[in-house]
Structure formats: structure tokens, C-alpha cells
Protein backbone atom coordinates (compact mmCIF):
# COMPACT_ATOMS: atom_id res chain seq x y z
CA MET A 1 0.14 0.01 -0.08
CA ASN A 2 1.53 3.38 -0.80
CA LYS A 3 1.28 6.70 0.65
CA ASP A 4 -1.76 8.00 -1.15
CA ASP A 5 -3.61 4.55 -0.42
CA VAL A 6 -2.73 5.07 3.25
CA LEU A 7 -3.60 8.85 3.43
CA TYR A 8 -6.95 8.21 1.55
CA LYS A 9 -7.79 5.42 3.69
CA PHE A 10 -7.23 7.88 6.73
CA ILE A 11 -9.68 10.31 5.58
CA ASP A 12 -11.88 7.88 4.39
CA VAL A 13 -12.27 6.45 7.95
CA GLN A 14 -11.96 9.63 9.85
CA VAL A 15 -14.33 11.53 7.51
CA GLY A 16 -16.91 9.01 8.82
CA ARG A 17 -16.80 6.68 5.59
CA ARG A 18 -15.73 3.67 7.15
CA VAL A 19 -17.16 1.31 4.98
CA LYS A 20 -18.78 -1.84 6.93
CA SER A 21 -20.05 -5.15 5.66
CA ALA A 22 -23.06 -4.49 3.28
CA ASN A 23 -23.91 -8.24 3.19
CA PRO A 24 -26.33 -9.69 5.02
CA MET A 25 -27.07 -13.32 4.55
CA GLY A 26 -28.74 -13.45 0.86
CA ALA A 27 -27.36 -10.30 -0.30
CA ILE A 28 -25.03 -9.81 -3.16
CA ASN A 29 -21.44 -8.78 -2.53
CA LEU A 30 -21.45 -5.20 -3.95
CA LYS A 31 -17.18 -4.70 -4.63
CA PRO A 32 -16.88 -3.31 -8.09
CA ASN A 33 -16.19 -5.67 -10.81
CA LYS A 34 -12.84 -5.97 -11.49
CA SER A 35 -11.90 -3.66 -14.59
CA SER A 36 -9.00 -1.92 -16.23
CA SER A 37 -9.99 1.12 -14.79
CA ASN A 38 -9.54 -0.36 -10.83
CA SER A 39 -5.96 -1.22 -11.74
CA ALA A 40 -3.59 0.05 -8.83
CA GLY A 41 -2.46 3.13 -10.97
CA ALA A 42 -5.85 3.96 -12.18
CA VAL A 43 -6.98 3.97 -8.21
CA THR A 44 -4.54 6.16 -7.51
CA ALA A 45 -5.02 8.54 -10.01
CA ASN A 46 -8.48 8.89 -9.59
CA ARG A 47 -8.26 9.50 -5.48
CA ASN A 48 -5.36 12.06 -6.17
CA TYR A 49 -7.75 14.03 -8.92
CA THR A 50 -10.30 13.70 -6.16
CA LEU A 51 -8.44 15.16 -3.27
CA SER A 52 -7.32 17.88 -5.41
CA ASN A 53 -10.67 18.83 -6.95
CA MET A 54 -13.19 18.19 -4.27
CA GLY A 55 -15.15 21.35 -3.59
CA LYS A 56 -14.58 22.48 -6.94
CA SER A 57 -15.66 19.61 -9.32
CA PRO A 58 -19.34 19.12 -9.90
CA GLU A 59 -20.49 16.17 -7.90
CA ALA A 60 -21.33 12.71 -9.48
CA MET A 61 -25.02 12.00 -7.79
CA ILE A 62 -26.61 8.65 -7.55
CA LYS A 63 -30.00 8.27 -5.56
CA ILE A 64 -32.19 5.48 -5.23
CA SER A 65 -35.69 7.15 -5.34
CA GLY A 66 -37.87 4.21 -4.98
CA SER A 67 -38.41 0.58 -5.15
CA SER A 68 -40.82 -1.45 -6.57
CA LYS A 69 -41.90 -5.15 -4.87
CA ASP A 70 -44.19 -6.68 -7.89
CA MET A 71 -44.58 -6.58 -11.62
CA SER A 72 -47.22 -4.26 -11.42
CA LYS A 73 -45.21 -1.85 -9.85
CA ILE A 74 -42.09 -2.17 -11.76
CA SER A 75 -44.34 -1.92 -15.10
CA SER A 76 -45.88 1.21 -13.77
CA HIS A 77 -42.27 2.77 -13.11
CA ILE A 78 -40.92 1.79 -16.41
CA SER A 79 -44.15 3.65 -17.79
CA TYR A 80 -43.02 6.67 -16.23
CA ILE A 81 -39.38 6.77 -16.93
CA SER A 82 -40.20 6.32 -20.51
CA ARG A 83 -43.50 8.92 -20.25
CA ASN A 84 -45.50 5.86 -21.47
CA GLY A 85 -43.47 5.45 -24.84
CA GLU A 86 -42.42 8.86 -25.74
CA ILE A 87 -39.22 8.72 -24.54
CA ASP A 88 -36.37 6.30 -25.92
CA ILE A 89 -35.64 3.59 -23.31
CA LYS A 90 -32.76 0.88 -23.76
CA ASN A 91 -32.11 -2.40 -21.67
CA LYS A 92 -29.05 -3.90 -20.79
CA GLU A 93 -27.65 -4.74 -24.29
CA GLY A 94 -28.45 -0.76 -25.23
CA GLU A 95 -31.23 -1.87 -27.19
CA SER A 96 -33.86 0.87 -28.01
CA LEU A 97 -37.28 -0.32 -27.08
CA ASN A 98 -40.88 -0.13 -28.32
CA LYS A 99 -44.04 -1.03 -26.40
CA GLU A 100 -43.92 -4.69 -27.38
CA ASP A 101 -40.17 -4.87 -26.43
CA VAL A 102 -40.69 -3.57 -22.90
CA LYS A 103 -43.42 -6.38 -22.61
CA SER A 104 -41.08 -9.12 -23.71
CA GLU A 105 -38.24 -7.65 -20.98
CA LEU A 106 -40.75 -7.32 -18.41
CA SER A 107 -42.11 -10.97 -19.26
CA ALA A 108 -38.00 -12.38 -18.71
CA TRP A 109 -38.03 -10.21 -15.07
CA SER A 110 -41.02 -12.19 -14.12
CA ASN A 111 -39.38 -15.35 -14.99
CA LEU A 112 -37.26 -14.61 -12.13
CA GLY A 113 -39.81 -15.26 -9.90
CA ILE A 114 -41.02 -12.06 -9.09
CA ALA A 115 -44.93 -11.65 -8.04
CA ASP A 116 -47.41 -9.99 -10.51
CA ASP A 117 -49.45 -8.40 -7.41
CA ASN A 118 -49.01 -7.84 -3.73
CA GLY A 119 -45.47 -8.91 -3.49
CA SER A 120 -43.63 -8.43 -0.30
CA LYS A 121 -40.07 -8.17 -0.96
CA ARG A 122 -38.35 -5.22 -2.97
CA GLU A 123 -38.02 -6.62 -6.56
CA ALA A 124 -36.45 -3.37 -8.35
CA LEU A 125 -34.68 -0.70 -7.34
CA HIS A 126 -35.45 2.84 -9.00
CA MET A 127 -31.91 4.50 -9.16
CA VAL A 128 -31.37 8.19 -11.01
CA PHE A 129 -27.95 9.39 -11.99
CA SER A 130 -28.00 13.31 -12.74
CA MET A 131 -25.32 15.99 -13.10
CA PRO A 132 -25.45 19.94 -13.33
CA GLU A 133 -26.85 22.09 -16.09
CA GLY A 134 -24.54 22.39 -18.94
CA THR A 135 -23.30 18.62 -18.87
CA ASN A 136 -22.90 16.89 -22.15
CA PRO A 137 -25.81 14.77 -22.16
CA GLN A 138 -24.54 12.13 -24.71
CA GLY A 139 -21.59 11.71 -22.16
CA LEU A 140 -23.53 11.26 -19.32
CA LEU A 141 -25.71 8.38 -21.00
CA LYS A 142 -22.76 6.36 -21.82
CA ALA A 143 -21.04 6.72 -18.55
CA VAL A 144 -24.12 5.55 -16.85
CA GLU A 145 -24.63 2.53 -19.68
CA ASN A 146 -20.61 1.99 -18.72
CA PHE A 147 -21.27 1.99 -14.77
CA ALA A 148 -24.59 -0.36 -15.34
CA GLU A 149 -22.66 -2.71 -17.72
CA GLN A 150 -19.80 -3.18 -14.91
CA GLU A 151 -21.87 -3.46 -11.85
CA PHE A 152 -25.24 -4.76 -12.80
CA THR A 153 -23.59 -7.43 -15.07
CA ASN A 154 -26.12 -10.15 -13.52
CA ASN A 155 -29.13 -8.06 -13.38
CA ASN A 156 -31.80 -6.95 -15.86
CA TYR A 157 -32.54 -3.48 -16.20
CA MET A 158 -33.80 -0.62 -18.19
CA TYR A 159 -33.15 2.89 -18.50
CA ALA A 160 -33.88 6.20 -20.21
CA GLN A 161 -32.92 9.73 -20.06
CA HIS A 162 -34.76 12.86 -19.06
CA LEU A 163 -33.78 15.86 -20.72
CA ASP A 164 -36.56 18.18 -19.61
CA THR A 165 -35.16 19.69 -16.73
CA LYS A 166 -32.15 22.15 -16.04
CA HIS A 167 -30.18 19.05 -14.63
CA PRO A 168 -30.11 16.26 -17.00
CA HIS A 169 -30.49 12.76 -15.55
CA VAL A 170 -30.80 8.98 -16.42
CA HIS A 171 -33.55 6.74 -14.46
CA LEU A 172 -32.29 3.33 -14.49
CA CYS A 173 -34.56 0.65 -13.07
CA VAL A 174 -32.59 -2.67 -11.90
CA SER A 175 -34.12 -6.17 -10.62
CA VAL A 176 -32.92 -7.14 -7.05
CA ARG A 177 -32.43 -10.31 -8.30
CA ASP A 178 -29.54 -11.63 -10.20
CA MET A 179 -29.54 -14.47 -12.76
CA GLN A 180 -28.16 -16.56 -9.82
CA GLY A 181 -30.77 -15.72 -7.13
CA ASN A 182 -28.52 -13.45 -5.64
CA ARG A 183 -30.04 -10.03 -4.54
CA LEU A 184 -28.69 -6.40 -4.14
CA ASN A 185 -28.99 -4.89 -0.75
CA PRO A 186 -27.43 -1.36 -1.06
CA ARG A 187 -26.14 0.61 1.66
CA LYS A 188 -24.91 3.87 2.34
CA ALA A 189 -21.35 2.90 1.85
CA ASP A 190 -22.68 1.13 -1.01
CA ILE A 191 -24.01 3.95 -3.07
CA GLY A 192 -20.71 6.02 -1.74
CA ASN A 193 -18.46 3.48 -3.87
CA TRP A 194 -21.11 3.91 -6.69
CA ARG A 195 -20.74 7.66 -6.68
CA LYS A 196 -16.71 6.90 -6.95
CA ILE A 197 -17.51 4.48 -9.80
CA PHE A 198 -20.05 6.26 -11.56
CA ALA A 199 -17.75 9.76 -11.30
CA GLN A 200 -14.71 7.69 -12.60
CA LYS A 201 -17.29 6.79 -15.45
CA LEU A 202 -17.91 10.31 -16.24
CA ARG A 203 -14.10 11.28 -16.49
CA GLU A 204 -13.69 9.10 -18.97
CA GLN A 205 -16.17 10.67 -21.23
CA GLY A 206 -14.33 13.89 -20.73
CA ILE A 207 -17.12 15.29 -17.89
CA ASP A 208 -15.65 16.65 -15.07
CA ALA A 209 -16.58 14.73 -11.70
CA VAL A 210 -15.85 13.48 -8.27
CA ALA A 211 -17.57 11.76 -5.83
CA THR A 212 -16.88 13.05 -2.26
CA THR A 213 -19.09 13.37 0.93
CA ARG A 214 -20.48 16.93 2.37
CA GLN A 215 -18.03 16.44 5.13
CA GLN A 216 -14.99 15.88 3.23
CA ARG A 217 -16.28 19.60 1.21
CA MET A 218 -16.54 21.17 4.73
CA LYS A 219 -20.28 21.38 3.96
CA VAL A 220 -22.81 21.52 6.89
CA HIS A 221 -25.73 21.92 4.59
CA LYS A 222 -27.25 19.68 2.67
CA GLY A 223 -27.77 20.33 -0.70
CA TYR A 224 -31.19 20.60 -2.43
CA ASP A 225 -33.16 17.19 -2.98
CA GLN A 226 -33.33 16.87 -6.63
CA THR A 227 -36.95 15.30 -6.40
CA VAL A 228 -37.94 18.25 -4.11
CA ARG A 229 -35.80 21.01 -6.49
CA HIS A 230 -37.92 19.16 -9.61
CA ILE A 231 -41.33 19.88 -8.12
CA ASP A 232 -40.29 23.56 -6.74
CA GLU A 233 -39.04 24.60 -10.59
CA LYS A 234 -42.70 23.10 -11.77
CA SER A 235 -44.45 25.36 -9.15
CA LYS A 236 -43.91 28.37 -11.33
CA LYS A 237 -46.50 26.43 -13.29
CA THR A 238 -48.46 24.72 -10.96
CA GLY A 239 -48.58 26.75 -8.09
CA THR A 240 -47.71 24.11 -5.78
CA LEU A 241 -44.51 23.80 -3.92
CA SER A 242 -43.47 20.40 -2.64
CA LYS A 243 -44.59 19.64 0.88
CA VAL A 244 -40.79 19.40 1.87
CA THR A 245 -40.71 23.39 1.22
CA ILE A 246 -43.88 23.78 2.45
CA ASN A 247 -43.42 22.54 6.13
CA ARG A 248 -40.01 23.77 6.06
CA LEU A 249 -41.57 27.36 5.18
CA LYS A 250 -43.95 26.79 8.04
CA GLU A 251 -41.05 26.26 10.97
CA ILE A 252 -39.15 29.07 9.79
CA ASN A 253 -42.21 31.40 9.85
CA THR A 254 -43.29 30.07 13.23
CA ALA A 255 -39.59 29.92 14.64
CA ILE A 256 -39.23 33.95 13.47
CA ASN A 257 -42.60 35.16 14.81
CA ASN A 258 -41.94 33.56 17.91
CA LEU A 259 -38.45 34.30 18.32
CA THR A 260 -37.81 30.47 18.54
CA GLY A 261 -35.24 28.26 16.49
CA VAL A 262 -36.41 25.30 14.62
CA SER A 263 -35.17 22.33 16.75
CA ASN A 264 -32.97 19.93 15.12
CA PRO A 265 -31.51 17.07 17.48
CA HIS A 266 -28.47 16.26 15.00
CA ASP A 267 -26.87 19.76 15.35
CA GLU A 268 -24.42 18.82 18.12
CA LYS A 269 -23.56 15.53 16.18
CA ILE A 270 -23.10 17.68 13.17
CA LYS A 271 -20.80 20.51 15.18
CA LYS A 272 -18.64 17.57 16.45
CA THR A 273 -18.04 15.65 13.17
CA MET A 274 -17.03 18.83 11.52
CA ALA A 275 -14.78 19.92 14.21
CA ARG A 276 -13.14 16.38 13.74
CA ILE A 277 -12.61 16.69 10.12
CA SER A 278 -11.18 20.40 10.69
CA VAL A 279 -8.51 18.44 13.13
CA ASN A 280 -7.71 15.62 10.89
CA TYR A 281 -7.25 17.76 7.66
CA LYS A 282 -4.80 20.08 9.86
CA LYS A 283 -3.04 17.14 10.64
CA ILE A 284 -2.59 15.73 7.11
CA ILE A 285 -1.80 19.32 5.82
CA ASP A 286 0.95 19.60 8.75
CA SER A 287 2.52 15.74 8.13
CA LYS A 288 5.55 15.69 6.19
CA ASN A 289 4.81 12.58 5.01
CA HIS A 290 1.31 13.02 3.35
CA GLY A 291 2.46 12.06 -0.18
CA LEU A 292 0.17 14.73 -1.61
CA ASP A 293 1.19 17.32 -4.45
CA GLU A 294 1.16 21.04 -3.94
CA ASN A 295 -2.60 21.22 -5.66
CA THR A 296 -4.07 18.85 -3.34
CA LEU A 297 -2.29 20.23 -0.33
CA LYS A 298 -3.75 23.54 -1.31
CA ASN A 299 -6.90 22.71 -1.83
CA LEU A 300 -7.77 21.25 1.59
CA LYS A 301 -6.06 24.72 3.10
CA GLU A 302 -8.94 26.49 0.90
CA LEU A 303 -11.41 23.90 2.37
CA LEU A 304 -10.59 25.07 5.71
CA ASP A 305 -10.04 28.38 5.27
CA SER A 306 -13.55 28.88 3.45
CA TYR A 307 -15.29 26.71 6.23
CA LYS A 308 -13.83 28.81 8.93
CA THR A 309 -14.61 32.35 7.50
CA SER A 310 -18.43 31.70 5.92
CA ASP A 311 -21.58 30.89 6.79
CA ASN A 312 -21.31 27.58 6.19
CA PHE A 313 -19.44 27.18 9.53
CA LEU A 314 -23.07 27.11 11.27
CA THR A 315 -25.76 25.15 10.98
CA ARG A 316 -29.11 25.99 9.58
CA ASN A 317 -30.75 26.45 13.17
CA GLU A 318 -27.56 28.43 14.15
CA LEU A 319 -28.20 30.72 11.15
CA LEU A 320 -31.85 30.96 11.98
CA LEU A 321 -31.12 31.97 15.54
CA ALA A 322 -28.62 34.58 14.03
CA LYS A 323 -31.87 36.17 12.03
CA ILE A 324 -34.18 35.85 14.93
CA GLU A 325 -31.89 37.97 17.34
CA GLU A 326 -31.35 40.15 14.31
CA LYS A 327 -35.01 40.67 13.98
CA THR A 328 -35.26 41.31 18.10
CA ARG A 329 -32.60 43.94 18.18
CA LEU A 330 -34.42 45.91 15.21
CA LYS A 331 -37.62 45.45 17.18
CA ASP A 332 -36.18 46.79 20.37
CA SER A 333 -34.16 49.73 18.69
CA PRO A 334 -34.94 53.09 19.66
CA VAL A 335 -35.91 53.80 16.11
CA ASN A 336 -38.35 51.05 15.78
CA LYS A 337 -40.32 52.17 19.04
CA ASP A 338 -40.59 55.64 18.15
CA LYS A 339 -42.45 54.17 14.76
CA GLU A 340 -44.49 51.91 16.71
CA ARG A 341 -45.06 55.35 19.18
CA GLY A 342 -46.25 57.13 16.11
CA LYS A 343 -48.92 54.40 15.07
CA ASP A 344 -50.54 54.36 18.17
CA HIS A 345 -50.72 58.03 18.23
CA ASP A 346 -52.42 57.89 14.78
CA ARG A 347 -55.00 55.50 15.77
């Protein structure tokens, strides 16, 4: 194991990316399939690229948006991602399918023993691969195809690309059971590993991408969920925001009016995690045997500096409390009290 491997392992473990076994009885091993891109040299190059570009390059995103427990639900999801046949949908061989072809594909899935209706186990995963606005759609699609070919060799899957939003994305529906009866059971660590492989496939297509955690990027706040974003963008036409956004706005409005914060039981844990990461990054920077180049060290220093000098250092609840304190201060200011007296006098 070279210096870069040791350091990267240190970062993964210390930042909270410790990979535990994700293979309970009956689940398939989710380690990447062997390929030329997983050679020692390629792995080191990918790691160095990630470390020197995290926080700068776009993040390769994979989300499991849902699942289906029987053929009826799988068929409905396939109809959704193909927009009832209006969008090109392909199978694992890369063949474009018409409606009759889709029925034939689904028949093959059914032969794996999936119930027609009222299933009790997950039989298909609904996956979404997405990248930011401006990403080359052909390169994105090819990266997803190469990813699926490598990771889901023994599983059935169908996929379709959607370009009707600012963020190009690909929907992929993959059977949980493979040809040998093993079942996919991805955990958080597995999805993290999938993201790293997806980022690698994107870079092979000339698309700049990395796969890191918010903690590694020194980000406290979660990003905008893609599903929520999609609904909120449509609200300009529909007039209806997502339930998540509506509830959040209600919480914030109530908190500001009552001069209280929005409770978040995870705040203390978040702050402890970020403090630990800061210390570990500082140790890496100060180490004489880090094995990293100047660009990577510079990036780590910039991440630390930006974290300490921006609002990102504060949790959302702390930011909200700061706004509440500001509102209280303004409310109690002499100028505001004079205005209130003026209103009472006018009455």
C-alpha cells in the first residue's frame, strides 16, 4: 500500500466513511467488478484527482428514488421513466425498446420469480444518475451505460434519459435479483462507492466529476434534493410547492414570529463531526509524509479556510437563530420603538 492509499484510507475512515459489511445473508457482494480502470495506478490517479478537486468539481450523483415489490409496480415505473413510450428506453444490451419490446423484457423479469401483484419484497430499485446543468447529455448517458454494464452484469435493467429539466439525468430500473438468485441490498457505503465509480466513468467521457461527502467538502448544509427541486421548479406553472418546502417555510415563519429556533436534534453531532474533520485535515496538511502534491494540499487549506470564514460554519438552526436575534435587536431599537409610538398616536 503506497502513501496515497494510506492517506486516502485515513481520510475515508476519519471523515466518517468507514465501510462496513453491506452483505447480510442472501445479499450480493457489492464490491466493484474487476476492470482495467480499477488497477492500482488508476485507483491512485482517481484518488489524487478527487482530493485535489473536491469542493470545486461537480459531484457525481446517484439516488435510489424508490423501489417496486411486484411486476405491476415495475411496469408502472417503466411507463413513467419512458413517459408511456414517448422517451427512448433501452435494455442492458443498449437496444431501444418499443412498447412490445418492453413487455417482452418484463416477461423475462417475471421469470425470475417476481410476483405479479402484492409482492412483499423489493424486486426492483429505481435509480437516478444526475449531473449539473450544462453537462454533455451524450457523455452522461454513456457513463451510466458503462457503470451499469460493470456493476449490474448479472441483473436485468432498463434505463431512459430525461432532459426536460435543467439537470440532465438518467433513470435506471434494475432488478434486485440477479440470474443466480442473489439480491442487491445497497447500504449507504455501497451507494458512496457507486458514486466513486460513476464519477470515474464520467471522467472517462471527458466530464469533470468527483464523488465526495458533504463532510469531506467541509459543507454543513445539505444540498437541494433533486425531487424537491423538480417539484418546486414546476410550481412556477402549477402554483404548488413541494410538501418538504412548504413544511420548512412554515417552521421558519413560526420560529421567526415566535423568536425561537427550529429544533434539530442532529446539530450537536454535526458540529462534532465537522470539528473532527477540521482537526484531521490540519494534521494531514502539517504532516511531512502525506504523499500529496501541492495542488491537493492547497485545496485542503482552501476548504478549511472557507469553512472557518463563511456562514457554512453554522448549522441552519444557528443561521436562523442569528436572523431571529437580528429581528429582536431591530424590534427593540429606539428607531423602531419611535415608529411604534407613532402608529399608536395615529390610532
